[in-house]
């Protein structure tokens, strides 16, 4: 892997971790059960994407 590709993966990992954190924070503040479940599902999806990128390293 080139340095540029590694930098891309590092950047992508940071973004996915940020999105996951924000989704979890938002879900904890929501009272609507359906909306909360949707946002929690988004957090799980970002966790999966993070793990996929991490697996490339």
C-alpha atoms as a PDB file:
ATOM      1  CA  UNK A   1       0.000   0.000   0.000  1.00  0.00           C
ATOM      2  CA  UNK A   2       1.264   3.460  -0.829  1.00  0.00           C
ATOM      3  CA  UNK A   3       1.625   6.246   1.712  1.00  0.00           C
ATOM      4  CA  UNK A   4      -1.229   8.093   0.039  1.00  0.00           C
ATOM      5  CA  UNK A   5      -3.522   5.065   0.386  1.00  0.00           C
ATOM      6  CA  UNK A   6      -2.576   4.670   4.047  1.00  0.00           C
ATOM      7  CA  UNK A   7      -3.342   8.337   4.667  1.00  0.00           C
ATOM      8  CA  UNK A   8      -6.715   7.881   2.991  1.00  0.00           C
ATOM      9  CA  UNK A   9      -7.518   4.930   5.237  1.00  0.00           C
ATOM     10  CA  UNK A  10      -6.433   6.859   8.318  1.00  0.00           C
ATOM     11  CA  UNK A  11      -8.677   9.739   7.313  1.00  0.00           C
ATOM     12  CA  UNK A  12     -11.597   7.400   6.567  1.00  0.00           C
ATOM     13  CA  UNK A  13     -11.170   5.680   9.935  1.00  0.00           C
ATOM     14  CA  UNK A  14     -11.305   9.038  11.691  1.00  0.00           C
ATOM     15  CA  UNK A  15     -14.459  10.051   9.846  1.00  0.00           C
ATOM     16  CA  UNK A  16     -16.231   6.777  10.580  1.00  0.00           C
ATOM     17  CA  UNK A  17     -15.306   6.970  14.275  1.00  0.00           C
ATOM     18  CA  UNK A  18     -16.617  10.550  14.390  1.00  0.00           C
ATOM     19  CA  UNK A  19     -19.901   9.605  12.680  1.00  0.00           C
ATOM     20  CA  UNK A  20     -20.342   6.662  15.025  1.00  0.00           C
ATOM     21  CA  UNK A  21     -19.758   8.855  18.092  1.00  0.00           C
ATOM     22  CA  UNK A  22     -22.168  11.535  16.883  1.00  0.00           C
ATOM     23  CA  UNK A  23     -24.878   8.963  16.113  1.00  0.00           C
ATOM     24  CA  UNK A  24     -24.543   7.469  19.600  1.00  0.00           C
ATOM     25  CA  UNK A  25     -24.687  10.911  21.206  1.00  0.00           C
ATOM     26  CA  UNK A  26     -27.744  11.864  19.169  1.00  0.00           C
ATOM     27  CA  UNK A  27     -29.522   8.565  19.852  1.00  0.00           C
ATOM     28  CA  UNK A  28     -29.050   9.026  23.584  1.00  0.00           C
ATOM     29  CA  UNK A  29     -30.885  12.369  23.376  1.00  0.00           C
ATOM     30  CA  UNK A  30     -33.839  11.185  21.286  1.00  0.00           C
ATOM     31  CA  UNK A  31     -37.168  10.299  22.843  1.00  0.00           C
ATOM     32  CA  UNK A  32     -38.974   8.997  19.753  1.00  0.00           C
ATOM     33  CA  UNK A  33     -38.350   5.216  19.798  1.00  0.00           C
ATOM     34  CA  UNK A  34     -38.474   4.769  16.015  1.00  0.00           C
ATOM     35  CA  UNK A  35     -36.107   7.648  15.324  1.00  0.00           C
ATOM     36  CA  UNK A  36     -33.786   6.503  18.115  1.00  0.00           C
ATOM     37  CA  UNK A  37     -33.670   2.982  16.637  1.00  0.00           C
ATOM     38  CA  UNK A  38     -32.872   4.424  13.206  1.00  0.00           C
ATOM     39  CA  UNK A  39     -29.981   6.507  14.524  1.00  0.00           C
ATOM     40  CA  UNK A  40     -28.674   3.565  16.559  1.00  0.00           C
ATOM     41  CA  UNK A  41     -28.723   1.484  13.363  1.00  0.00           C
ATOM     42  CA  UNK A  42     -26.713   4.207  11.644  1.00  0.00           C
ATOM     43  CA  UNK A  43     -24.146   4.036  14.470  1.00  0.00           C
ATOM     44  CA  UNK A  44     -23.867   0.269  13.980  1.00  0.00           C
ATOM     45  CA  UNK A  45     -23.386   0.730  10.246  1.00  0.00           C
ATOM     46  CA  UNK A  46     -20.571   3.220  10.836  1.00  0.00           C
ATOM     47  CA  UNK A  47     -18.983   0.719  13.250  1.00  0.00           C
ATOM     48  CA  UNK A  48     -19.115  -1.948  10.524  1.00  0.00           C
ATOM     49  CA  UNK A  49     -17.558   0.406   7.978  1.00  0.00           C
ATOM     50  CA  UNK A  50     -14.848   1.328  10.504  1.00  0.00           C
ATOM     51  CA  UNK A  51     -14.048  -2.350  11.046  1.00  0.00           C
ATOM     52  CA  UNK A  52     -13.933  -2.961   7.297  1.00  0.00           C
ATOM     53  CA  UNK A  53     -11.435  -0.146   6.780  1.00  0.00           C
ATOM     54  CA  UNK A  54      -9.418  -1.266   9.808  1.00  0.00           C
ATOM     55  CA  UNK A  55      -9.320  -4.791   8.396  1.00  0.00           C
ATOM     56  CA  UNK A  56      -7.513  -3.454   5.336  1.00  0.00           C
ATOM     57  CA  UNK A  57      -4.603  -2.442   7.518  1.00  0.00           C
END
